[in-house]
PDB file of all heavy atoms in Angstrom:
ATOM      1  N   LEU A   1       1.080  20.511   0.971  1.00  0.00           N
ATOM      2  CA  LEU A   1       0.231  19.906  -0.050  1.00  0.00           C
ATOM      3  C   LEU A   1       0.954  18.808  -0.816  1.00  0.00           C
ATOM      4  O   LEU A   1       0.327  17.870  -1.319  1.00  0.00           O
ATOM      5  CB  LEU A   1      -0.265  20.979  -1.021  1.00  0.00           C
ATOM      6  CG  LEU A   1      -1.370  21.888  -0.492  1.00  0.00           C
ATOM      7  CD1 LEU A   1      -1.669  22.995  -1.501  1.00  0.00           C
ATOM      8  CD2 LEU A   1      -2.631  21.097  -0.180  1.00  0.00           C
ATOM      9  N   GLU A   2       2.283  18.924  -0.916  1.00  0.00           N
ATOM     10  CA  GLU A   2       3.049  17.900  -1.623  1.00  0.00           C
ATOM     11  C   GLU A   2       2.919  16.529  -0.984  1.00  0.00           C
ATOM     12  O   GLU A   2       3.177  15.506  -1.618  1.00  0.00           O
ATOM     13  CB  GLU A   2       4.536  18.294  -1.672  1.00  0.00           C
ATOM     14  CG  GLU A   2       4.839  19.491  -2.542  1.00  0.00           C
ATOM     15  CD  GLU A   2       4.704  20.811  -1.795  1.00  0.00           C
ATOM     16  OE1 GLU A   2       4.178  20.796  -0.643  1.00  0.00           O
ATOM     17  OE2 GLU A   2       5.102  21.846  -2.345  1.00  0.00           O
ATOM     18  N   ARG A   3       2.504  16.494   0.289  1.00  0.00           N
ATOM     19  CA  ARG A   3       2.307  15.229   1.000  1.00  0.00           C
ATOM     20  C   ARG A   3       0.900  14.670   0.824  1.00  0.00           C
ATOM     21  O   ARG A   3       0.613  13.547   1.245  1.00  0.00           O
ATOM     22  CB  ARG A   3       2.553  15.442   2.496  1.00  0.00           C
ATOM     23  CG  ARG A   3       4.002  15.495   2.889  1.00  0.00           C
ATOM     24  CD  ARG A   3       4.553  14.098   3.012  1.00  0.00           C
ATOM     25  NE  ARG A   3       5.900  14.094   3.540  1.00  0.00           N
ATOM     26  CZ  ARG A   3       6.563  13.000   3.853  1.00  0.00           C
ATOM     27  NH1 ARG A   3       5.997  11.812   3.685  1.00  0.00           N
ATOM     28  NH2 ARG A   3       7.793  13.056   4.299  1.00  0.00           N
ATOM     29  N   LEU A   4       0.010  15.465   0.204  1.00  0.00           N
ATOM     30  CA  LEU A   4      -1.401  15.120   0.206  1.00  0.00           C
ATOM     31  C   LEU A   4      -2.031  15.038  -1.176  1.00  0.00           C
ATOM     32  O   LEU A   4      -3.081  14.412  -1.333  1.00  0.00           O
ATOM     33  CB  LEU A   4      -2.184  16.166   1.022  1.00  0.00           C
ATOM     34  CG  LEU A   4      -1.676  16.477   2.431  1.00  0.00           C
ATOM     35  CD1 LEU A   4      -2.437  17.667   2.997  1.00  0.00           C
ATOM     36  CD2 LEU A   4      -1.812  15.270   3.330  1.00  0.00           C
ATOM     37  N   ALA A   5      -1.455  15.684  -2.163  1.00  0.00           N
ATOM     38  CA  ALA A   5      -2.126  15.847  -3.451  1.00  0.00           C
ATOM     39  C   ALA A   5      -1.276  15.334  -4.605  1.00  0.00           C
ATOM     40  O   ALA A   5      -0.064  15.593  -4.662  1.00  0.00           O
ATOM     41  CB  ALA A   5      -2.470  17.318  -3.681  1.00  0.00           C
ATOM     42  N   GLY A   6      -1.919  14.603  -5.505  1.00  0.00           N
ATOM     43  CA  GLY A   6      -1.252  14.154  -6.719  1.00  0.00           C
ATOM     44  C   GLY A   6      -0.125  13.169  -6.493  1.00  0.00           C
ATOM     45  O   GLY A   6       0.787  13.070  -7.316  1.00  0.00           O
ATOM     46  N   LEU A   7      -0.191  12.398  -5.409  1.00  0.00           N
ATOM     47  CA  LEU A   7       0.878  11.452  -5.106  1.00  0.00           C
ATOM     48  C   LEU A   7       0.776  10.218  -6.003  1.00  0.00           C
ATOM     49  O   LEU A   7      -0.314   9.671  -6.188  1.00  0.00           O
ATOM     50  CB  LEU A   7       0.780  10.990  -3.643  1.00  0.00           C
ATOM     51  CG  LEU A   7       1.032  12.030  -2.563  1.00  0.00           C
ATOM     52  CD1 LEU A   7       0.649  11.468  -1.203  1.00  0.00           C
ATOM     53  CD2 LEU A   7       2.493  12.464  -2.569  1.00  0.00           C
ATOM     54  N   PRO A   8       1.895   9.756  -6.557  1.00  0.00           N
ATOM     55  CA  PRO A   8       1.846   8.472  -7.257  1.00  0.00           C
ATOM     56  C   PRO A   8       1.442   7.383  -6.272  1.00  0.00           C
ATOM     57  O   PRO A   8       1.941   7.329  -5.152  1.00  0.00           O
ATOM     58  CB  PRO A   8       3.276   8.288  -7.761  1.00  0.00           C
ATOM     59  CG  PRO A   8       4.115   9.176  -6.898  1.00  0.00           C
ATOM     60  CD  PRO A   8       3.255  10.320  -6.508  1.00  0.00           C
ATOM     61  N   ALA A   9       0.498   6.538  -6.682  1.00  0.00           N
ATOM     62  CA  ALA A   9      -0.072   5.552  -5.759  1.00  0.00           C
ATOM     63  C   ALA A   9       0.344   4.143  -6.140  1.00  0.00           C
ATOM     64  O   ALA A   9       0.506   3.822  -7.313  1.00  0.00           O
ATOM     65  CB  ALA A   9      -1.593   5.653  -5.749  1.00  0.00           C
ATOM     66  N   VAL A  10       0.504   3.319  -5.116  1.00  0.00           N
ATOM     67  CA  VAL A  10       0.652   1.885  -5.309  1.00  0.00           C
ATOM     68  C   VAL A  10      -0.436   1.215  -4.467  1.00  0.00           C
ATOM     69  O   VAL A  10      -0.590   1.521  -3.280  1.00  0.00           O
ATOM     70  CB  VAL A  10       2.058   1.376  -4.916  1.00  0.00           C
ATOM     71  CG1 VAL A  10       2.423   1.747  -3.486  1.00  0.00           C
ATOM     72  CG2 VAL A  10       2.158  -0.137  -5.105  1.00  0.00           C
ATOM     73  N   VAL A  11      -1.229   0.366  -5.113  1.00  0.00           N
ATOM     74  CA  VAL A  11      -2.338  -0.312  -4.437  1.00  0.00           C
ATOM     75  C   VAL A  11      -1.905  -1.730  -4.098  1.00  0.00           C
ATOM     76  O   VAL A  11      -1.519  -2.499  -4.981  1.00  0.00           O
ATOM     77  CB  VAL A  11      -3.592  -0.331  -5.317  1.00  0.00           C
ATOM     78  CG1 VAL A  11      -4.736  -1.035  -4.592  1.00  0.00           C
ATOM     79  CG2 VAL A  11      -4.003   1.088  -5.704  1.00  0.00           C
ATOM     80  N   VAL A  12      -1.951  -2.055  -2.816  1.00  0.00           N
ATOM     81  CA  VAL A  12      -1.554  -3.377  -2.338  1.00  0.00           C
ATOM     82  C   VAL A  12      -2.811  -4.209  -2.114  1.00  0.00           C
ATOM     83  O   VAL A  12      -3.643  -3.880  -1.263  1.00  0.00           O
ATOM     84  CB  VAL A  12      -0.747  -3.271  -1.025  1.00  0.00           C
ATOM     85  CG1 VAL A  12      -0.361  -4.660  -0.518  1.00  0.00           C
ATOM     86  CG2 VAL A  12       0.494  -2.412  -1.225  1.00  0.00           C
ATOM     87  N   ARG A  13      -2.969  -5.267  -2.906  1.00  0.00           N
ATOM     88  CA  ARG A  13      -4.142  -6.137  -2.761  1.00  0.00           C
ATOM     89  C   ARG A  13      -3.929  -7.065  -1.569  1.00  0.00           C
ATOM     90  O   ARG A  13      -3.017  -7.893  -1.562  1.00  0.00           O
ATOM     91  CB  ARG A  13      -4.344  -6.981  -4.019  1.00  0.00           C
ATOM     92  CG  ARG A  13      -4.415  -6.178  -5.310  1.00  0.00           C
ATOM     93  CD  ARG A  13      -5.645  -5.309  -5.395  1.00  0.00           C
ATOM     94  NE  ARG A  13      -5.704  -4.629  -6.692  1.00  0.00           N
ATOM     95  CZ  ARG A  13      -6.377  -3.512  -6.926  1.00  0.00           C
ATOM     96  NH1 ARG A  13      -7.060  -2.937  -5.936  1.00  0.00           N
ATOM     97  NH2 ARG A  13      -6.373  -2.966  -8.124  1.00  0.00           N
ATOM     98  N   ALA A  14      -4.754  -6.905  -0.551  1.00  0.00           N
ATOM     99  CA  ALA A  14      -4.629  -7.717   0.655  1.00  0.00           C
ATOM    100  C   ALA A  14      -6.000  -8.228   1.073  1.00  0.00           C
ATOM    101  O   ALA A  14      -6.337  -8.247   2.256  1.00  0.00           O
ATOM    102  CB  ALA A  14      -3.987  -6.897   1.778  1.00  0.00           C
ATOM    103  N   VAL A  15      -6.798  -8.613   0.083  1.00  0.00           N
ATOM    104  CA  VAL A  15      -8.135  -9.132   0.349  1.00  0.00           C
ATOM    105  C   VAL A  15      -8.024 -10.638   0.545  1.00  0.00           C
ATOM    106  O   VAL A  15      -7.579 -11.360  -0.343  1.00  0.00           O
ATOM    107  CB  VAL A  15      -9.084  -8.829  -0.816  1.00  0.00           C
ATOM    108  CG1 VAL A  15     -10.470  -9.383  -0.531  1.00  0.00           C
ATOM    109  CG2 VAL A  15      -9.144  -7.331  -1.079  1.00  0.00           C
ATOM    110  N   GLY A  16      -8.393 -11.127   1.717  1.00  0.00           N
ATOM    111  CA  GLY A  16      -8.272 -12.558   1.970  1.00  0.00           C
ATOM    112  C   GLY A  16      -8.532 -12.883   3.418  1.00  0.00           C
ATOM    113  O   GLY A  16      -9.130 -12.086   4.156  1.00  0.00           O
ATOM    114  N   ASP A  17      -8.053 -14.033   3.839  1.00  0.00           N
ATOM    115  CA  ASP A  17      -8.315 -14.505   5.193  1.00  0.00           C
ATOM    116  C   ASP A  17      -7.411 -13.863   6.238  1.00  0.00           C
ATOM    117  O   ASP A  17      -7.763 -13.800   7.412  1.00  0.00           O
ATOM    118  CB  ASP A  17      -8.160 -16.030   5.251  1.00  0.00           C
ATOM    119  CG  ASP A  17      -9.181 -16.747   4.379  1.00  0.00           C
ATOM    120  OD1 ASP A  17     -10.287 -16.197   4.203  1.00  0.00           O
ATOM    121  OD2 ASP A  17      -8.874 -17.842   3.882  1.00  0.00           O
ATOM    122  N   ASP A  18      -6.219 -13.411   5.826  1.00  0.00           N
ATOM    123  CA  ASP A  18      -5.289 -12.811   6.786  1.00  0.00           C
ATOM    124  C   ASP A  18      -5.721 -11.390   7.098  1.00  0.00           C
ATOM    125  O   ASP A  18      -5.837 -10.549   6.203  1.00  0.00           O
ATOM    126  CB  ASP A  18      -3.870 -12.807   6.218  1.00  0.00           C
ATOM    127  CG  ASP A  18      -3.322 -14.210   6.043  1.00  0.00           C
ATOM    128  OD1 ASP A  18      -3.713 -15.095   6.835  1.00  0.00           O
ATOM    129  OD2 ASP A  18      -2.522 -14.421   5.113  1.00  0.00           O
ATOM    130  N   ARG A  19      -5.941 -11.106   8.379  1.00  0.00           N
ATOM    131  CA  ARG A  19      -6.366  -9.761   8.768  1.00  0.00           C
ATOM    132  C   ARG A  19      -5.233  -8.766   8.677  1.00  0.00           C
ATOM    133  O   ARG A  19      -5.440  -7.613   8.291  1.00  0.00           O
ATOM    134  CB  ARG A  19      -6.913  -9.781  10.201  1.00  0.00           C
ATOM    135  CG  ARG A  19      -8.215 -10.544  10.364  1.00  0.00           C
ATOM    136  CD  ARG A  19      -8.626 -10.547  11.832  1.00  0.00           C
ATOM    137  NE  ARG A  19      -8.699  -9.194  12.345  1.00  0.00           N
ATOM    138  CZ  ARG A  19      -8.236  -8.822  13.542  1.00  0.00           C
ATOM    139  NH1 ARG A  19      -7.649  -9.698  14.341  1.00  0.00           N
ATOM    140  NH2 ARG A  19      -8.348  -7.574  13.940  1.00  0.00           N
ATOM    141  N   GLY A  20      -4.044  -9.172   9.070  1.00  0.00           N
ATOM    142  CA  GLY A  20      -2.924  -8.249   9.144  1.00  0.00           C
ATOM    143  C   GLY A  20      -2.161  -8.133   7.835  1.00  0.00           C
ATOM    144  O   GLY A  20      -1.834  -9.142   7.211  1.00  0.00           O
ATOM    145  N   VAL A  21      -1.883  -6.885   7.407  1.00  0.00           N
ATOM    146  CA  VAL A  21      -1.011  -6.635   6.259  1.00  0.00           C
ATOM    147  C   VAL A  21       0.412  -6.554   6.814  1.00  0.00           C
ATOM    148  O   VAL A  21       0.760  -5.616   7.533  1.00  0.00           O
ATOM    149  CB  VAL A  21      -1.393  -5.342   5.538  1.00  0.00           C
ATOM    150  CG1 VAL A  21      -0.478  -5.114   4.334  1.00  0.00           C
ATOM    151  CG2 VAL A  21      -2.850  -5.380   5.097  1.00  0.00           C
ATOM    152  N   THR A  22       1.243  -7.534   6.490  1.00  0.00           N
ATOM    153  CA  THR A  22       2.546  -7.699   7.124  1.00  0.00           C
ATOM    154  C   THR A  22       3.680  -7.176   6.245  1.00  0.00           C
ATOM    155  O   THR A  22       3.499  -6.907   5.053  1.00  0.00           O
ATOM    156  CB  THR A  22       2.799  -9.181   7.415  1.00  0.00           C
ATOM    157  OG1 THR A  22       2.872  -9.878   6.155  1.00  0.00           O
ATOM    158  CG2 THR A  22       1.674  -9.779   8.264  1.00  0.00           C
ATOM    159  N   ALA A  23       4.858  -7.100   6.848  1.00  0.00           N
ATOM    160  CA  ALA A  23       6.050  -6.706   6.104  1.00  0.00           C
ATOM    161  C   ALA A  23       6.327  -7.685   4.977  1.00  0.00           C
ATOM    162  O   ALA A  23       6.771  -7.290   3.889  1.00  0.00           O
ATOM    163  CB  ALA A  23       7.247  -6.614   7.053  1.00  0.00           C
ATOM    164  N   GLU A  24       6.070  -8.949   5.198  1.00  0.00           N
ATOM    165  CA  GLU A  24       6.292  -9.951   4.159  1.00  0.00           C
ATOM    166  C   GLU A  24       5.411  -9.675   2.944  1.00  0.00           C
ATOM    167  O   GLU A  24       5.851  -9.825   1.798  1.00  0.00           O
ATOM    168  CB  GLU A  24       6.002 -11.349   4.705  1.00  0.00           C
ATOM    169  CG  GLU A  24       6.267 -12.465   3.710  1.00  0.00           C
ATOM    170  CD  GLU A  24       5.986 -13.838   4.284  1.00  0.00           C
ATOM    171  OE1 GLU A  24       5.597 -13.923   5.470  1.00  0.00           O
ATOM    172  OE2 GLU A  24       6.172 -14.834   3.553  1.00  0.00           O
ATOM    173  N   MET A  25       4.177  -9.242   3.184  1.00  0.00           N
ATOM    174  CA  MET A  25       3.264  -8.952   2.079  1.00  0.00           C
ATOM    175  C   MET A  25       3.680  -7.694   1.323  1.00  0.00           C
ATOM    176  O   MET A  25       3.312  -7.496   0.165  1.00  0.00           O
ATOM    177  CB  MET A  25       1.839  -8.797   2.610  1.00  0.00           C
ATOM    178  CG  MET A  25       1.298 -10.072   3.247  1.00  0.00           C
ATOM    179  SD  MET A  25      -0.218  -9.795   4.206  1.00  0.00           S
ATOM    180  CE  MET A  25      -1.361  -9.325   2.931  1.00  0.00           C
ATOM    181  N   LEU A  26       4.448  -6.818   1.973  1.00  0.00           N
ATOM    182  CA  LEU A  26       4.866  -5.552   1.373  1.00  0.00           C
ATOM    183  C   LEU A  26       6.296  -5.586   0.851  1.00  0.00           C
ATOM    184  O   LEU A  26       6.755  -4.606   0.244  1.00  0.00           O
ATOM    185  CB  LEU A  26       4.752  -4.431   2.415  1.00  0.00           C
ATOM    186  CG  LEU A  26       3.353  -4.160   2.965  1.00  0.00           C
ATOM    187  CD1 LEU A  26       3.436  -3.269   4.190  1.00  0.00           C
ATOM    188  CD2 LEU A  26       2.480  -3.513   1.904  1.00  0.00           C
ATOM    189  N   ALA A  27       6.984  -6.683   1.076  1.00  0.00           N
ATOM    190  CA  ALA A  27       8.431  -6.740   0.835  1.00  0.00           C
ATOM    191  C   ALA A  27       8.817  -6.408  -0.597  1.00  0.00           C
ATOM    192  O   ALA A  27       9.866  -5.808  -0.845  1.00  0.00           O
ATOM    193  CB  ALA A  27       8.968  -8.115   1.224  1.00  0.00           C
ATOM    194  N   HIS A  28       7.994  -6.779  -1.566  1.00  0.00           N
ATOM    195  CA  HIS A  28       8.359  -6.592  -2.967  1.00  0.00           C
ATOM    196  C   HIS A  28       7.634  -5.409  -3.603  1.00  0.00           C
ATOM    197  O   HIS A  28       7.615  -5.281  -4.829  1.00  0.00           O
ATOM    198  CB  HIS A  28       8.067  -7.867  -3.747  1.00  0.00           C
ATOM    199  CG  HIS A  28       8.788  -9.075  -3.212  1.00  0.00           C
ATOM    200  ND1 HIS A  28      10.163  -9.181  -3.232  1.00  0.00           N
ATOM    201  CD2 HIS A  28       8.334 -10.199  -2.611  1.00  0.00           C
ATOM    202  CE1 HIS A  28      10.515 -10.329  -2.681  1.00  0.00           C
ATOM    203  NE2 HIS A  28       9.427 -10.962  -2.296  1.00  0.00           N
ATOM    204  N   VAL A  29       7.061  -4.540  -2.770  1.00  0.00           N
ATOM    205  CA  VAL A  29       6.339  -3.366  -3.275  1.00  0.00           C
ATOM    206  C   VAL A  29       7.247  -2.143  -3.194  1.00  0.00           C
ATOM    207  O   VAL A  29       7.857  -1.888  -2.156  1.00  0.00           O
ATOM    208  CB  VAL A  29       5.062  -3.121  -2.449  1.00  0.00           C
ATOM    209  CG1 VAL A  29       4.307  -1.907  -2.975  1.00  0.00           C
ATOM    210  CG2 VAL A  29       4.166  -4.352  -2.467  1.00  0.00           C
ATOM    211  N   THR A  30       7.342  -1.393  -4.275  1.00  0.00           N
ATOM    212  CA  THR A  30       8.114  -0.150  -4.274  1.00  0.00           C
ATOM    213  C   THR A  30       7.234   0.957  -3.704  1.00  0.00           C
ATOM    214  O   THR A  30       6.214   1.319  -4.304  1.00  0.00           O
ATOM    215  CB  THR A  30       8.564   0.218  -5.695  1.00  0.00           C
ATOM    216  OG1 THR A  30       9.377  -0.837  -6.208  1.00  0.00           O
ATOM    217  CG2 THR A  30       9.369   1.503  -5.688  1.00  0.00           C
ATOM    218  N   VAL A  31       7.599   1.491  -2.545  1.00  0.00           N
ATOM    219  CA  VAL A  31       6.733   2.442  -1.842  1.00  0.00           C
ATOM    220  C   VAL A  31       7.342   3.826  -1.706  1.00  0.00           C
ATOM    221  O   VAL A  31       6.637   4.776  -1.348  1.00  0.00           O
ATOM    222  CB  VAL A  31       6.379   1.909  -0.428  1.00  0.00           C
ATOM    223  CG1 VAL A  31       5.755   0.519  -0.509  1.00  0.00           C
ATOM    224  CG2 VAL A  31       7.589   1.896   0.495  1.00  0.00           C
ATOM    225  N   ALA A  32       8.613   4.003  -1.987  1.00  0.00           N
ATOM    226  CA  ALA A  32       9.287   5.272  -1.749  1.00  0.00           C
ATOM    227  C   ALA A  32       8.603   6.410  -2.500  1.00  0.00           C
ATOM    228  O   ALA A  32       8.395   6.348  -3.711  1.00  0.00           O
ATOM    229  CB  ALA A  32      10.746   5.178  -2.187  1.00  0.00           C
ATOM    230  N   GLY A  33       8.217   7.448  -1.749  1.00  0.00           N
ATOM    231  CA  GLY A  33       7.592   8.617  -2.345  1.00  0.00           C
ATOM    232  C   GLY A  33       6.169   8.412  -2.801  1.00  0.00           C
ATOM    233  O   GLY A  33       5.597   9.299  -3.451  1.00  0.00           O
ATOM    234  N   ARG A  34       5.558   7.283  -2.466  1.00  0.00           N
ATOM    235  CA  ARG A  34       4.228   6.964  -2.973  1.00  0.00           C
ATOM    236  C   ARG A  34       3.172   6.928  -1.869  1.00  0.00           C
ATOM    237  O   ARG A  34       3.491   6.727  -0.698  1.00  0.00           O
ATOM    238  CB  ARG A  34       4.241   5.602  -3.677  1.00  0.00           C
ATOM    239  CG  ARG A  34       5.086   5.593  -4.946  1.00  0.00           C
ATOM    240  CD  ARG A  34       5.090   4.225  -5.588  1.00  0.00           C
ATOM    241  NE  ARG A  34       5.760   4.249  -6.882  1.00  0.00           N
ATOM    242  CZ  ARG A  34       5.933   3.194  -7.661  1.00  0.00           C
ATOM    243  NH1 ARG A  34       5.493   2.006  -7.267  1.00  0.00           N
ATOM    244  NH2 ARG A  34       6.552   3.307  -8.824  1.00  0.00           N
ATOM    245  N   ALA A  35       1.925   7.114  -2.282  1.00  0.00           N
ATOM    246  CA  ALA A  35       0.791   6.819  -1.410  1.00  0.00           C
ATOM    247  C   ALA A  35       0.551   5.321  -1.477  1.00  0.00           C
ATOM    248  O   ALA A  35       0.269   4.780  -2.546  1.00  0.00           O
ATOM    249  CB  ALA A  35      -0.440   7.576  -1.868  1.00  0.00           C
ATOM    250  N   VAL A  36       0.697   4.648  -0.347  1.00  0.00           N
ATOM    251  CA  VAL A  36       0.516   3.202  -0.284  1.00  0.00           C
ATOM    252  C   VAL A  36      -0.913   2.941   0.177  1.00  0.00           C
ATOM    253  O   VAL A  36      -1.272   3.251   1.318  1.00  0.00           O
ATOM    254  CB  VAL A  36       1.532   2.555   0.676  1.00  0.00           C
ATOM    255  CG1 VAL A  36       1.345   1.044   0.709  1.00  0.00           C
ATOM    256  CG2 VAL A  36       2.954   2.910   0.256  1.00  0.00           C
ATOM    257  N   LEU A  37      -1.743   2.387  -0.701  1.00  0.00           N
ATOM    258  CA  LEU A  37      -3.160   2.191  -0.425  1.00  0.00           C
ATOM    259  C   LEU A  37      -3.422   0.706  -0.221  1.00  0.00           C
ATOM    260  O   LEU A  37      -3.234  -0.099  -1.138  1.00  0.00           O
ATOM    261  CB  LEU A  37      -4.003   2.733  -1.582  1.00  0.00           C
ATOM    262  CG  LEU A  37      -3.699   4.194  -1.977  1.00  0.00           C
ATOM    263  CD1 LEU A  37      -4.580   4.622  -3.141  1.00  0.00           C
ATOM    264  CD2 LEU A  37      -3.867   5.132  -0.779  1.00  0.00           C
ATOM    265  N   LEU A  38      -3.853   0.351   0.981  1.00  0.00           N
ATOM    266  CA  LEU A  38      -4.059  -1.046   1.354  1.00  0.00           C
ATOM    267  C   LEU A  38      -5.497  -1.444   1.052  1.00  0.00           C
ATOM    268  O   LEU A  38      -6.440  -1.024   1.736  1.00  0.00           O
ATOM    269  CB  LEU A  38      -3.740  -1.246   2.839  1.00  0.00           C
ATOM    270  CG  LEU A  38      -2.339  -0.764   3.270  1.00  0.00           C
ATOM    271  CD1 LEU A  38      -2.157  -0.984   4.774  1.00  0.00           C
ATOM    272  CD2 LEU A  38      -1.242  -1.452   2.485  1.00  0.00           C
ATOM    273  N   HIS A  39      -5.663  -2.245   0.010  1.00  0.00           N
ATOM    274  CA  HIS A  39      -6.988  -2.706  -0.410  1.00  0.00           C
ATOM    275  C   HIS A  39      -7.275  -4.023   0.288  1.00  0.00           C
ATOM    276  O   HIS A  39      -6.837  -5.085  -0.141  1.00  0.00           O
ATOM    277  CB  HIS A  39      -7.023  -2.863  -1.933  1.00  0.00           C
ATOM    278  CG  HIS A  39      -8.297  -3.458  -2.433  1.00  0.00           C
ATOM    279  ND1 HIS A  39      -8.359  -4.232  -3.576  1.00  0.00           N
ATOM    280  CD2 HIS A  39      -9.564  -3.416  -1.947  1.00  0.00           C
ATOM    281  CE1 HIS A  39      -9.595  -4.627  -3.782  1.00  0.00           C
ATOM    282  NE2 HIS A  39     -10.341  -4.144  -2.797  1.00  0.00           N
ATOM    283  N   THR A  40      -8.036  -3.963   1.388  1.00  0.00           N
ATOM    284  CA  THR A  40      -8.336  -5.143   2.193  1.00  0.00           C
ATOM    285  C   THR A  40      -9.748  -5.664   1.965  1.00  0.00           C
ATOM    286  O   THR A  40     -10.069  -6.774   2.383  1.00  0.00           O
ATOM    287  CB  THR A  40      -8.196  -4.818   3.685  1.00  0.00           C
ATOM    288  OG1 THR A  40      -9.253  -3.931   4.073  1.00  0.00           O
ATOM    289  CG2 THR A  40      -6.847  -4.158   3.988  1.00  0.00           C
ATOM    290  N   GLY A  41     -10.604  -4.847   1.358  1.00  0.00           N
ATOM    291  CA  GLY A  41     -12.000  -5.227   1.212  1.00  0.00           C
ATOM    292  C   GLY A  41     -12.834  -4.960   2.449  1.00  0.00           C
ATOM    293  O   GLY A  41     -14.024  -5.292   2.484  1.00  0.00           O
TER     294      GLY A  41
END
């Protein structure tokens, strides 16, 4: 359950013309121990 419930979340805004969410787009996001939620629209 520790992997599924109450995880601190970081939302990555990736709404735009680029279809792929790349490493470059994630490079400055702190993701360790977090639920990384890709908001693409």
